[in-house]
Full PDB file with SEQRES, HELIX, SHEET, SSBOND, CRYST1, ORIGX, SCALE, CONECT and MASTER records, all heavy atoms in Angstrom:
SEQRES   1 A   31  SER LEU GLY ARG LEU GLU ASP ILE ALA THR GLN ILE ALA          
SEQRES   2 A   31  LEU ILE GLN GLN THR LEU THR PRO ALA LEU SER ASN PRO          
SEQRES   3 A   31  HIS ILE LEU VAL PHE                                          
HELIX    1 AA1 ARG A    4  GLN A   16  1                                  13    
CRYST1    1.000    1.000    1.000  90.00  90.00  90.00 P 1           1          
ORIGX1      1.000000  0.000000  0.000000        0.00000                         
ORIGX2      0.000000  1.000000  0.000000        0.00000                         
ORIGX3      0.000000  0.000000  1.000000        0.00000                         
SCALE1      1.000000  0.000000  0.000000        0.00000                         
SCALE2      0.000000  1.000000  0.000000        0.00000                         
SCALE3      0.000000  0.000000  1.000000        0.00000                         
ATOM      1  N   SER A   1     106.792  77.040 102.982  1.00  0.00           N  
ATOM      2  CA  SER A   1     106.500  77.001 104.417  1.00  0.00           C  
ATOM      3  C   SER A   1     105.953  78.320 104.967  1.00  0.00           C  
ATOM      4  O   SER A   1     105.451  78.351 106.088  1.00  0.00           O  
ATOM      5  CB  SER A   1     107.749  76.603 105.209  1.00  0.00           C  
ATOM      6  OG  SER A   1     108.792  77.532 105.000  1.00  0.00           O  
ATOM      7  N   LEU A   2     106.042  79.388 104.209  1.00  0.00           N  
ATOM      8  CA  LEU A   2     105.450  80.655 104.648  1.00  0.00           C  
ATOM      9  C   LEU A   2     104.068  80.891 104.042  1.00  0.00           C  
ATOM     10  O   LEU A   2     103.512  81.991 104.141  1.00  0.00           O  
ATOM     11  CB  LEU A   2     106.394  81.832 104.360  1.00  0.00           C  
ATOM     12  CG  LEU A   2     107.575  81.936 105.334  1.00  0.00           C  
ATOM     13  CD1 LEU A   2     108.506  83.072 104.933  1.00  0.00           C  
ATOM     14  CD2 LEU A   2     107.097  82.124 106.770  1.00  0.00           C  
ATOM     15  N   GLY A   3     103.522  79.873 103.403  1.00  0.00           N  
ATOM     16  CA  GLY A   3     102.118  79.878 103.023  1.00  0.00           C  
ATOM     17  C   GLY A   3     101.641  81.123 102.293  1.00  0.00           C  
ATOM     18  O   GLY A   3     102.203  81.507 101.265  1.00  0.00           O  
ATOM     19  N   ARG A   4     100.580  81.741 102.828  1.00  0.00           N  
ATOM     20  CA  ARG A   4      99.970  82.895 102.176  1.00  0.00           C  
ATOM     21  C   ARG A   4     100.933  84.069 102.023  1.00  0.00           C  
ATOM     22  O   ARG A   4     100.789  84.883 101.100  1.00  0.00           O  
ATOM     23  CB  ARG A   4      98.735  83.368 102.969  1.00  0.00           C  
ATOM     24  CG  ARG A   4      97.535  82.426 102.960  1.00  0.00           C  
ATOM     25  CD  ARG A   4      96.827  82.402 101.625  1.00  0.00           C  
ATOM     26  NE  ARG A   4      96.354  83.694 101.198  1.00  0.00           N  
ATOM     27  CZ  ARG A   4      95.233  84.297 101.622  1.00  0.00           C  
ATOM     28  NH1 ARG A   4      94.462  83.694 102.529  1.00  0.00           N  
ATOM     29  NH2 ARG A   4      94.860  85.465 101.142  1.00  0.00           N  
ATOM     30  N   LEU A   5     101.914  84.174 102.925  1.00  0.00           N  
ATOM     31  CA  LEU A   5     102.888  85.261 102.794  1.00  0.00           C  
ATOM     32  C   LEU A   5     103.619  85.179 101.460  1.00  0.00           C  
ATOM     33  O   LEU A   5     103.915  86.213 100.835  1.00  0.00           O  
ATOM     34  CB  LEU A   5     103.901  85.226 103.935  1.00  0.00           C  
ATOM     35  CG  LEU A   5     103.390  85.542 105.338  1.00  0.00           C  
ATOM     36  CD1 LEU A   5     104.541  85.524 106.327  1.00  0.00           C  
ATOM     37  CD2 LEU A   5     102.677  86.886 105.389  1.00  0.00           C  
ATOM     38  N   GLU A   6     103.896  83.973 101.015  1.00  0.00           N  
ATOM     39  CA  GLU A   6     104.582  83.802  99.729  1.00  0.00           C  
ATOM     40  C   GLU A   6     103.684  84.248  98.576  1.00  0.00           C  
ATOM     41  O   GLU A   6     104.147  84.869  97.614  1.00  0.00           O  
ATOM     42  CB  GLU A   6     105.006  82.346  99.570  1.00  0.00           C  
ATOM     43  CG  GLU A   6     105.968  81.889 100.666  1.00  0.00           C  
ATOM     44  CD  GLU A   6     106.510  80.492 100.450  1.00  0.00           C  
ATOM     45  OE1 GLU A   6     106.425  79.979  99.306  1.00  0.00           O  
ATOM     46  OE2 GLU A   6     107.030  79.900 101.421  1.00  0.00           O  
ATOM     47  N   ASP A   7     102.393  83.949  98.678  1.00  0.00           N  
ATOM     48  CA  ASP A   7     101.452  84.378  97.634  1.00  0.00           C  
ATOM     49  C   ASP A   7     101.320  85.901  97.598  1.00  0.00           C  
ATOM     50  O   ASP A   7     101.271  86.497  96.525  1.00  0.00           O  
ATOM     51  CB  ASP A   7     100.081  83.755  97.878  1.00  0.00           C  
ATOM     52  CG  ASP A   7     100.095  82.234  97.816  1.00  0.00           C  
ATOM     53  OD1 ASP A   7     100.994  81.689  97.148  1.00  0.00           O  
ATOM     54  OD2 ASP A   7      99.217  81.618  98.445  1.00  0.00           O  
ATOM     55  N   ILE A   8     101.258  86.506  98.777  1.00  0.00           N  
ATOM     56  CA  ILE A   8     101.127  87.966  98.844  1.00  0.00           C  
ATOM     57  C   ILE A   8     102.374  88.635  98.272  1.00  0.00           C  
ATOM     58  O   ILE A   8     102.285  89.596  97.496  1.00  0.00           O  
ATOM     59  CB  ILE A   8     100.893  88.419 100.296  1.00  0.00           C  
ATOM     60  CG1 ILE A   8      99.540  87.926 100.805  1.00  0.00           C  
ATOM     61  CG2 ILE A   8     100.954  89.940 100.410  1.00  0.00           C  
ATOM     62  CD1 ILE A   8      99.387  88.015 102.318  1.00  0.00           C  
ATOM     63  N   ALA A   9     103.535  88.136  98.656  1.00  0.00           N  
ATOM     64  CA  ALA A   9     104.781  88.713  98.137  1.00  0.00           C  
ATOM     65  C   ALA A   9     104.836  88.599  96.625  1.00  0.00           C  
ATOM     66  O   ALA A   9     105.241  89.543  95.925  1.00  0.00           O  
ATOM     67  CB  ALA A   9     105.980  88.008  98.775  1.00  0.00           C  
ATOM     68  N   THR A  10     104.423  87.449  96.105  1.00  0.00           N  
ATOM     69  CA  THR A  10     104.417  87.258  94.649  1.00  0.00           C  
ATOM     70  C   THR A  10     103.460  88.231  93.981  1.00  0.00           C  
ATOM     71  O   THR A  10     103.804  88.861  92.963  1.00  0.00           O  
ATOM     72  CB  THR A  10     104.020  85.810  94.313  1.00  0.00           C  
ATOM     73  OG1 THR A  10     104.959  84.906  94.913  1.00  0.00           O  
ATOM     74  CG2 THR A  10     103.990  85.581  92.810  1.00  0.00           C  
ATOM     75  N   GLN A  11     102.257  88.371  94.522  1.00  0.00           N  
ATOM     76  CA  GLN A  11     101.270  89.279  93.937  1.00  0.00           C  
ATOM     77  C   GLN A  11     101.785  90.713  93.901  1.00  0.00           C  
ATOM     78  O   GLN A  11     101.674  91.405  92.871  1.00  0.00           O  
ATOM     79  CB  GLN A  11      99.957  89.220  94.723  1.00  0.00           C  
ATOM     80  CG  GLN A  11      98.870  90.138  94.151  1.00  0.00           C  
ATOM     81  CD  GLN A  11      97.603  90.106  94.977  1.00  0.00           C  
ATOM     82  OE1 GLN A  11      97.515  89.435  96.008  1.00  0.00           O  
ATOM     83  NE2 GLN A  11      96.602  90.856  94.542  1.00  0.00           N  
ATOM     84  N   ILE A  12     102.356  91.177  95.010  1.00  0.00           N  
ATOM     85  CA  ILE A  12     102.826  92.565  95.061  1.00  0.00           C  
ATOM     86  C   ILE A  12     104.018  92.771  94.127  1.00  0.00           C  
ATOM     87  O   ILE A  12     104.128  93.793  93.437  1.00  0.00           O  
ATOM     88  CB  ILE A  12     103.159  92.958  96.507  1.00  0.00           C  
ATOM     89  CG1 ILE A  12     101.864  92.988  97.339  1.00  0.00           C  
ATOM     90  CG2 ILE A  12     103.851  94.321  96.567  1.00  0.00           C  
ATOM     91  CD1 ILE A  12     102.064  93.179  98.821  1.00  0.00           C  
ATOM     92  N   ALA A  13     104.912  91.808  94.067  1.00  0.00           N  
ATOM     93  CA  ALA A  13     106.050  91.909  93.149  1.00  0.00           C  
ATOM     94  C   ALA A  13     105.575  91.960  91.701  1.00  0.00           C  
ATOM     95  O   ALA A  13     106.140  92.696  90.875  1.00  0.00           O  
ATOM     96  CB  ALA A  13     106.998  90.730  93.362  1.00  0.00           C  
ATOM     97  N   LEU A  14     104.533  91.210  91.375  1.00  0.00           N  
ATOM     98  CA  LEU A  14     103.985  91.252  90.013  1.00  0.00           C  
ATOM     99  C   LEU A  14     103.289  92.586  89.734  1.00  0.00           C  
ATOM    100  O   LEU A  14     103.416  93.138  88.634  1.00  0.00           O  
ATOM    101  CB  LEU A  14     103.008  90.096  89.809  1.00  0.00           C  
ATOM    102  CG  LEU A  14     103.630  88.704  89.692  1.00  0.00           C  
ATOM    103  CD1 LEU A  14     102.550  87.637  89.655  1.00  0.00           C  
ATOM    104  CD2 LEU A  14     104.521  88.599  88.452  1.00  0.00           C  
ATOM    105  N   ILE A  15     102.541  93.104  90.704  1.00  0.00           N  
ATOM    106  CA  ILE A  15     101.891  94.407  90.510  1.00  0.00           C  
ATOM    107  C   ILE A  15     102.940  95.465  90.220  1.00  0.00           C  
ATOM    108  O   ILE A  15     102.779  96.291  89.314  1.00  0.00           O  
ATOM    109  CB  ILE A  15     101.058  94.784  91.752  1.00  0.00           C  
ATOM    110  CG1 ILE A  15      99.824  93.879  91.872  1.00  0.00           C  
ATOM    111  CG2 ILE A  15     100.623  96.249  91.693  1.00  0.00           C  
ATOM    112  CD1 ILE A  15      99.095  94.015  93.192  1.00  0.00           C  
ATOM    113  N   GLN A  16     104.046  95.432  90.978  1.00  0.00           N  
ATOM    114  CA  GLN A  16     105.088  96.454  90.816  1.00  0.00           C  
ATOM    115  C   GLN A  16     106.142  96.073  89.788  1.00  0.00           C  
ATOM    116  O   GLN A  16     107.024  96.883  89.477  1.00  0.00           O  
ATOM    117  CB  GLN A  16     105.738  96.739  92.171  1.00  0.00           C  
ATOM    118  CG  GLN A  16     104.750  97.321  93.180  1.00  0.00           C  
ATOM    119  CD  GLN A  16     105.404  97.765  94.480  1.00  0.00           C  
ATOM    120  OE1 GLN A  16     106.631  97.730  94.643  1.00  0.00           O  
ATOM    121  NE2 GLN A  16     104.586  98.214  95.414  1.00  0.00           N  
ATOM    122  N   GLN A  17     106.057  94.840  89.270  1.00  0.00           N  
ATOM    123  CA  GLN A  17     106.982  94.356  88.240  1.00  0.00           C  
ATOM    124  C   GLN A  17     108.441  94.498  88.651  1.00  0.00           C  
ATOM    125  O   GLN A  17     109.293  95.032  87.934  1.00  0.00           O  
ATOM    126  CB  GLN A  17     106.721  95.086  86.914  1.00  0.00           C  
ATOM    127  CG  GLN A  17     105.429  94.679  86.229  1.00  0.00           C  
ATOM    128  CD  GLN A  17     105.466  93.240  85.710  1.00  0.00           C  
ATOM    129  OE1 GLN A  17     106.176  92.919  84.764  1.00  0.00           O  
ATOM    130  NE2 GLN A  17     104.696  92.361  86.365  1.00  0.00           N  
ATOM    131  N   THR A  18     108.725  93.979  89.852  1.00  0.00           N  
ATOM    132  CA  THR A  18     110.082  94.031  90.374  1.00  0.00           C  
ATOM    133  C   THR A  18     110.279  92.917  91.386  1.00  0.00           C  
ATOM    134  O   THR A  18     109.327  92.483  92.043  1.00  0.00           O  
ATOM    135  CB  THR A  18     110.381  95.391  91.040  1.00  0.00           C  
ATOM    136  OG1 THR A  18     111.696  95.367  91.605  1.00  0.00           O  
ATOM    137  CG2 THR A  18     109.371  95.709  92.130  1.00  0.00           C  
ATOM    138  N   LEU A  19     111.531  92.459  91.529  1.00  0.00           N  
ATOM    139  CA  LEU A  19     111.862  91.480  92.563  1.00  0.00           C  
ATOM    140  C   LEU A  19     112.089  92.138  93.919  1.00  0.00           C  
ATOM    141  O   LEU A  19     112.278  91.452  94.923  1.00  0.00           O  
ATOM    142  CB  LEU A  19     113.116  90.697  92.165  1.00  0.00           C  
ATOM    143  CG  LEU A  19     113.014  89.839  90.898  1.00  0.00           C  
ATOM    144  CD1 LEU A  19     114.339  89.140  90.614  1.00  0.00           C  
ATOM    145  CD2 LEU A  19     111.892  88.821  91.017  1.00  0.00           C  
ATOM    146  N   THR A  20     112.081  93.461  93.945  1.00  0.00           N  
ATOM    147  CA  THR A  20     112.279  94.196  95.200  1.00  0.00           C  
ATOM    148  C   THR A  20     111.158  95.225  95.380  1.00  0.00           C  
ATOM    149  O   THR A  20     111.375  96.434  95.278  1.00  0.00           O  
ATOM    150  CB  THR A  20     113.648  94.899  95.225  1.00  0.00           C  
ATOM    151  OG1 THR A  20     113.769  95.737  94.051  1.00  0.00           O  
ATOM    152  CG2 THR A  20     114.789  93.888  95.251  1.00  0.00           C  
ATOM    153  N   PRO A  21     109.940  94.771  95.621  1.00  0.00           N  
ATOM    154  CA  PRO A  21     108.815  95.706  95.761  1.00  0.00           C  
ATOM    155  C   PRO A  21     108.935  96.536  97.036  1.00  0.00           C  
ATOM    156  O   PRO A  21     109.685  96.196  97.964  1.00  0.00           O  
ATOM    157  CB  PRO A  21     107.593  94.784  95.823  1.00  0.00           C  
ATOM    158  CG  PRO A  21     108.126  93.502  96.365  1.00  0.00           C  
ATOM    159  CD  PRO A  21     109.519  93.372  95.818  1.00  0.00           C  
ATOM    160  N   ALA A  22     108.185  97.629  97.074  1.00  0.00           N  
ATOM    161  CA  ALA A  22     108.210  98.531  98.233  1.00  0.00           C  
ATOM    162  C   ALA A  22     106.799  99.019  98.533  1.00  0.00           C  
ATOM    163  O   ALA A  22     106.069  99.433  97.624  1.00  0.00           O  
ATOM    164  CB  ALA A  22     109.137  99.715  97.963  1.00  0.00           C  
ATOM    165  N   LEU A  23     106.422  98.977  99.784  1.00  0.00           N  
ATOM    166  CA  LEU A  23     105.125  99.509 100.226  1.00  0.00           C  
ATOM    167  C   LEU A  23     105.371 100.923 100.758  1.00  0.00           C  
ATOM    168  O   LEU A  23     105.524 101.138 101.960  1.00  0.00           O  
ATOM    169  CB  LEU A  23     104.510  98.602 101.292  1.00  0.00           C  
ATOM    170  CG  LEU A  23     104.311  97.140 100.886  1.00  0.00           C  
ATOM    171  CD1 LEU A  23     103.631  96.358 101.997  1.00  0.00           C  
ATOM    172  CD2 LEU A  23     103.514  97.036  99.588  1.00  0.00           C  
ATOM    173  N   SER A  24     105.425 101.861  99.846  1.00  0.00           N  
ATOM    174  CA  SER A  24     105.822 103.222 100.183  1.00  0.00           C  
ATOM    175  C   SER A  24     104.617 104.083 100.552  1.00  0.00           C  
ATOM    176  O   SER A  24     103.560 103.987  99.927  1.00  0.00           O  
ATOM    177  CB  SER A  24     106.544 103.869  98.989  1.00  0.00           C  
ATOM    178  OG  SER A  24     107.626 103.073  98.570  1.00  0.00           O  
ATOM    179  N   ASN A  25     104.792 104.911 101.576  1.00  0.00           N  
ATOM    180  CA  ASN A  25     103.794 105.905 101.985  1.00  0.00           C  
ATOM    181  C   ASN A  25     102.374 105.315 102.012  1.00  0.00           C  
ATOM    182  O   ASN A  25     101.453 105.826 101.364  1.00  0.00           O  
ATOM    183  CB  ASN A  25     103.847 107.113 101.041  1.00  0.00           C  
ATOM    184  CG  ASN A  25     103.191 108.353 101.632  1.00  0.00           C  
ATOM    185  OD1 ASN A  25     102.947 108.427 102.831  1.00  0.00           O  
ATOM    186  ND2 ASN A  25     102.890 109.323 100.784  1.00  0.00           N  
ATOM    187  N   PRO A  26     102.155 104.230 102.739  1.00  0.00           N  
ATOM    188  CA  PRO A  26     100.843 103.570 102.725  1.00  0.00           C  
ATOM    189  C   PRO A  26      99.745 104.459 103.297  1.00  0.00           C  
ATOM    190  O   PRO A  26      99.969 105.195 104.259  1.00  0.00           O  
ATOM    191  CB  PRO A  26     101.069 102.336 103.598  1.00  0.00           C  
ATOM    192  CG  PRO A  26     102.187 102.728 104.518  1.00  0.00           C  
ATOM    193  CD  PRO A  26     103.089 103.611 103.699  1.00  0.00           C  
ATOM    194  N   HIS A  27      98.560 104.365 102.705  1.00  0.00           N  
ATOM    195  CA  HIS A  27      97.423 105.198 103.111  1.00  0.00           C  
ATOM    196  C   HIS A  27      96.158 104.370 103.294  1.00  0.00           C  
ATOM    197  O   HIS A  27      95.949 103.383 102.586  1.00  0.00           O  
ATOM    198  CB  HIS A  27      97.129 106.261 102.042  1.00  0.00           C  
ATOM    199  CG  HIS A  27      97.925 107.517 102.176  1.00  0.00           C  
ATOM    200  ND1 HIS A  27      99.260 107.584 101.857  1.00  0.00           N  
ATOM    201  CD2 HIS A  27      97.566 108.767 102.583  1.00  0.00           C  
ATOM    202  CE1 HIS A  27      99.695 108.823 102.056  1.00  0.00           C  
ATOM    203  NE2 HIS A  27      98.686 109.556 102.508  1.00  0.00           N  
ATOM    204  N   ILE A  28      95.317 104.815 104.202  1.00  0.00           N  
ATOM    205  CA  ILE A  28      93.919 104.408 104.263  1.00  0.00           C  
ATOM    206  C   ILE A  28      93.082 105.647 103.963  1.00  0.00           C  
ATOM    207  O   ILE A  28      93.270 106.692 104.595  1.00  0.00           O  
ATOM    208  CB  ILE A  28      93.524 103.844 105.644  1.00  0.00           C  
ATOM    209  CG1 ILE A  28      94.363 102.633 106.019  1.00  0.00           C  
ATOM    210  CG2 ILE A  28      92.021 103.516 105.678  1.00  0.00           C  
ATOM    211  CD1 ILE A  28      94.040 101.364 105.274  1.00  0.00           C  
ATOM    212  N   LEU A  29      92.182 105.537 102.991  1.00  0.00           N  
ATOM    213  CA  LEU A  29      91.292 106.633 102.618  1.00  0.00           C  
ATOM    214  C   LEU A  29      89.876 106.259 103.049  1.00  0.00           C  
ATOM    215  O   LEU A  29      89.347 105.232 102.624  1.00  0.00           O  
ATOM    216  CB  LEU A  29      91.333 106.864 101.105  1.00  0.00           C  
ATOM    217  CG  LEU A  29      92.723 107.029 100.471  1.00  0.00           C  
ATOM    218  CD1 LEU A  29      92.587 107.262  98.969  1.00  0.00           C  
ATOM    219  CD2 LEU A  29      93.503 108.157 101.128  1.00  0.00           C  
ATOM    220  N   VAL A  30      89.281 107.080 103.902  1.00  0.00           N  
ATOM    221  CA  VAL A  30      87.933 106.825 104.401  1.00  0.00           C  
ATOM    222  C   VAL A  30      86.984 107.863 103.808  1.00  0.00           C  
ATOM    223  O   VAL A  30      87.158 109.063 104.024  1.00  0.00           O  
ATOM    224  CB  VAL A  30      87.881 106.874 105.943  1.00  0.00           C  
ATOM    225  CG1 VAL A  30      86.447 106.675 106.437  1.00  0.00           C  
ATOM    226  CG2 VAL A  30      88.798 105.824 106.548  1.00  0.00           C  
ATOM    227  N   PHE A  31      86.002 107.393 103.056  1.00  0.00           N  
ATOM    228  CA  PHE A  31      85.015 108.271 102.428  1.00  0.00           C  
ATOM    229  C   PHE A  31      83.717 108.216 103.235  1.00  0.00           C  
ATOM    230  O   PHE A  31      83.272 107.139 103.634  1.00  0.00           O  
ATOM    231  CB  PHE A  31      84.754 107.838 100.987  1.00  0.00           C  
ATOM    232  CG  PHE A  31      85.952 107.999 100.097  1.00  0.00           C  
ATOM    233  CD1 PHE A  31      86.850 106.947  99.914  1.00  0.00           C  
ATOM    234  CD2 PHE A  31      86.201 109.191  99.447  1.00  0.00           C  
ATOM    235  CE1 PHE A  31      87.962 107.089  99.098  1.00  0.00           C  
ATOM    236  CE2 PHE A  31      87.312 109.351  98.632  1.00  0.00           C  
ATOM    237  CZ  PHE A  31      88.189 108.301  98.463  1.00  0.00           C  
TER     238      PHE A  31                                                      
MASTER        0    0    0    1    0    0    0    6  237    1    0    3          
END                                                                             
């Protein structure tokens, strides 16, 4: 029922290989 949010959470958890991922110190880099 949370649609794309569930897909995003799954993707990030897989990237970080953990069931408790963290978006730490987020940055935008403009070149």
